[in-house]
Structure formats: structure tokens, C-alpha cells
Amino acid sequence: MKKWLLSTKVKPKNPYTGSCLLNTKITGDDAPGDTWHMVFTTEGEVPYKEGKSIGVIADGVERNEKPHKLRLCSIPSNALGDFGDSKINPS
């Protein structure tokens, strides 16, 4: 079994709580949709692989006062580094 497949240890009933280190909108205001660059810390607890997805549930509530729903975020290649400095977040 490949190491990156072990992320199945994190499930809806056993979620991992991490921190968002960066959340920056990278599309223009006139774009038909929004694309964001986000960097998360996982402290090495959530193995991941570029090209896969991670489910994210934000803290707080939506405008309708209901809890945020799960959103899938794709994990792209980080050739430019997490912060554009060619370095990968060590967590």
C-alpha cells in the first residue's frame, strides 16, 4: 500500500482539524468564478499527493445560519512552492 493512500484514516466521524496559513483569491473580480490559493498545515498527520483532493469544512456558519458544507479542494503541483518561494510548507 502506498503511503499517500493512508489519508483514509481521516473520515467525517474522525476529522482532522488543521489551520489555514494562507487564503488568497487569485482570480480577477470580473472572472465567472472564484479560484483561491490556500495553504494548510497538517503537522504531518494528513498524507496527501498532488492531483488528489482534500475536503474542507470552514468554521462558522453560512449566511443562512447553517453550518458550512464540505468543499473539495484540489491539490495542485507546488513547483513554485506554497508561498511562491519554491519551498514546500514543512508540515
C-alpha atoms as a PDB file:
ATOM      1  CA  MET A   1       0.000   0.000   0.000  1.00  0.00           C
ATOM      2  CA  LYS A   2       1.340   3.436  -0.900  1.00  0.00           C
ATOM      3  CA  LYS A   3       1.856   5.861   1.961  1.00  0.00           C
ATOM      4  CA  TRP A   4      -0.348   8.587   0.479  1.00  0.00           C
ATOM      5  CA  LEU A   5      -3.351   6.267   0.473  1.00  0.00           C
ATOM      6  CA  LEU A   6      -3.347   6.260   4.277  1.00  0.00           C
ATOM      7  CA  SER A   7      -5.315   9.508   4.332  1.00  0.00           C
ATOM      8  CA  THR A   8      -8.407   7.334   4.682  1.00  0.00           C
ATOM      9  CA  LYS A   9      -7.721   7.476   8.441  1.00  0.00           C
ATOM     10  CA  VAL A  10      -9.389  10.905   8.354  1.00  0.00           C
ATOM     11  CA  LYS A  11     -13.146  10.498   7.951  1.00  0.00           C
ATOM     12  CA  PRO A  12     -16.271  12.600   8.602  1.00  0.00           C
ATOM     13  CA  LYS A  13     -16.672  10.993  12.026  1.00  0.00           C
ATOM     14  CA  ASN A  14     -12.933  11.295  12.706  1.00  0.00           C
ATOM     15  CA  PRO A  15     -11.919  14.609  11.078  1.00  0.00           C
ATOM     16  CA  TYR A  16      -8.547  16.297  11.271  1.00  0.00           C
ATOM     17  CA  THR A  17      -8.619  19.897  12.471  1.00  0.00           C
ATOM     18  CA  GLY A  18      -5.901  21.977  10.861  1.00  0.00           C
ATOM     19  CA  SER A  19      -5.117  25.609  10.264  1.00  0.00           C
ATOM     20  CA  CYS A  20      -5.260  27.687   7.125  1.00  0.00           C
ATOM     21  CA  LEU A  21      -1.961  29.562   6.740  1.00  0.00           C
ATOM     22  CA  LEU A  22      -2.902  31.418   3.550  1.00  0.00           C
ATOM     23  CA  ASN A  23      -6.188  32.098   1.741  1.00  0.00           C
ATOM     24  CA  THR A  24      -5.810  34.407  -1.268  1.00  0.00           C
ATOM     25  CA  LYS A  25      -8.184  34.943  -4.180  1.00  0.00           C
ATOM     26  CA  ILE A  26      -6.248  34.530  -7.437  1.00  0.00           C
ATOM     27  CA  THR A  27      -8.955  35.318  -9.997  1.00  0.00           C
ATOM     28  CA  GLY A  28      -9.990  38.790 -11.066  1.00  0.00           C
ATOM     29  CA  ASP A  29     -13.198  40.457  -9.953  1.00  0.00           C
ATOM     30  CA  ASP A  30     -14.689  40.029 -13.446  1.00  0.00           C
ATOM     31  CA  ALA A  31     -13.993  36.273 -13.611  1.00  0.00           C
ATOM     32  CA  PRO A  32     -17.059  33.981 -13.893  1.00  0.00           C
ATOM     33  CA  GLY A  33     -15.985  32.103 -10.759  1.00  0.00           C
ATOM     34  CA  ASP A  34     -13.552  32.320  -7.877  1.00  0.00           C
ATOM     35  CA  THR A  35     -10.278  30.451  -7.518  1.00  0.00           C
ATOM     36  CA  TRP A  36      -8.348  30.665  -4.268  1.00  0.00           C
ATOM     37  CA  HIS A  37      -4.798  29.726  -3.300  1.00  0.00           C
ATOM     38  CA  MET A  38      -4.892  28.120   0.137  1.00  0.00           C
ATOM     39  CA  VAL A  39      -2.116  26.668   2.258  1.00  0.00           C
ATOM     40  CA  PHE A  40      -2.969  24.377   5.167  1.00  0.00           C
ATOM     41  CA  THR A  41      -0.864  22.980   7.956  1.00  0.00           C
ATOM     42  CA  THR A  42      -1.308  19.285   8.594  1.00  0.00           C
ATOM     43  CA  GLU A  43       1.558  18.708  11.046  1.00  0.00           C
ATOM     44  CA  GLY A  44       2.342  15.586   9.024  1.00  0.00           C
ATOM     45  CA  GLU A  45      -0.901  13.951  10.167  1.00  0.00           C
ATOM     46  CA  VAL A  46      -2.689  14.002   6.803  1.00  0.00           C
ATOM     47  CA  PRO A  47      -0.685  12.414   3.988  1.00  0.00           C
ATOM     48  CA  TYR A  48      -1.510  13.912   0.607  1.00  0.00           C
ATOM     49  CA  LYS A  49      -0.484  13.651  -3.026  1.00  0.00           C
ATOM     50  CA  GLU A  50      -0.560  16.271  -5.732  1.00  0.00           C
ATOM     51  CA  GLY A  51      -3.512  15.762  -8.048  1.00  0.00           C
ATOM     52  CA  LYS A  52      -5.764  14.450  -5.274  1.00  0.00           C
ATOM     53  CA  SER A  53      -8.408  16.413  -3.354  1.00  0.00           C
ATOM     54  CA  ILE A  54      -8.928  17.321   0.264  1.00  0.00           C
ATOM     55  CA  GLY A  55     -12.289  18.009   1.874  1.00  0.00           C
ATOM     56  CA  VAL A  56     -12.501  21.249   3.836  1.00  0.00           C
ATOM     57  CA  ILE A  57     -15.237  22.428   6.195  1.00  0.00           C
ATOM     58  CA  ALA A  58     -14.768  26.016   7.324  1.00  0.00           C
ATOM     59  CA  ASP A  59     -15.527  27.174  10.860  1.00  0.00           C
ATOM     60  CA  GLY A  60     -18.687  29.148  11.469  1.00  0.00           C
ATOM     61  CA  VAL A  61     -21.953  29.251   9.575  1.00  0.00           C
ATOM     62  CA  GLU A  62     -23.238  30.214   6.131  1.00  0.00           C
ATOM     63  CA  ARG A  63     -25.414  33.284   5.500  1.00  0.00           C
ATOM     64  CA  ASN A  64     -28.462  31.123   6.219  1.00  0.00           C
ATOM     65  CA  GLU A  65     -27.054  30.350   9.707  1.00  0.00           C
ATOM     66  CA  LYS A  66     -26.462  26.680   8.803  1.00  0.00           C
ATOM     67  CA  PRO A  67     -23.020  25.065   9.253  1.00  0.00           C
ATOM     68  CA  HIS A  68     -20.668  25.220   6.274  1.00  0.00           C
ATOM     69  CA  LYS A  69     -20.800  22.211   3.975  1.00  0.00           C
ATOM     70  CA  LEU A  70     -17.854  20.129   2.831  1.00  0.00           C
ATOM     71  CA  ARG A  71     -15.928  21.665  -0.072  1.00  0.00           C
ATOM     72  CA  LEU A  72     -13.441  19.702  -2.118  1.00  0.00           C
ATOM     73  CA  CYS A  73     -10.162  21.450  -2.857  1.00  0.00           C
ATOM     74  CA  SER A  74      -7.769  20.025  -5.437  1.00  0.00           C
ATOM     75  CA  ILE A  75      -4.108  19.692  -4.516  1.00  0.00           C
ATOM     76  CA  PRO A  76      -2.068  21.072  -7.431  1.00  0.00           C
ATOM     77  CA  SER A  77       1.628  20.773  -8.108  1.00  0.00           C
ATOM     78  CA  ASN A  78       3.543  23.072  -5.812  1.00  0.00           C
ATOM     79  CA  ALA A  79       6.517  23.570  -8.130  1.00  0.00           C
ATOM     80  CA  LEU A  80       6.559  27.273  -7.221  1.00  0.00           C
ATOM     81  CA  GLY A  81       6.233  26.457  -3.527  1.00  0.00           C
ATOM     82  CA  ASP A  82       3.372  27.104  -1.137  1.00  0.00           C
ATOM     83  CA  PHE A  83       4.209  30.804  -0.852  1.00  0.00           C
ATOM     84  CA  GLY A  84       5.828  31.355  -4.290  1.00  0.00           C
ATOM     85  CA  ASP A  85       9.335  30.918  -2.877  1.00  0.00           C
ATOM     86  CA  SER A  86       9.991  27.438  -4.349  1.00  0.00           C
ATOM     87  CA  LYS A  87       9.772  25.933  -0.836  1.00  0.00           C
ATOM     88  CA  ILE A  88       7.172  23.438   0.391  1.00  0.00           C
ATOM     89  CA  ASN A  89       5.436  24.001   3.741  1.00  0.00           C
ATOM     90  CA  PRO A  90       7.260  21.576   6.045  1.00  0.00           C
ATOM     91  CA  SER A  91       4.101  20.391   7.771  1.00  0.00           C
END
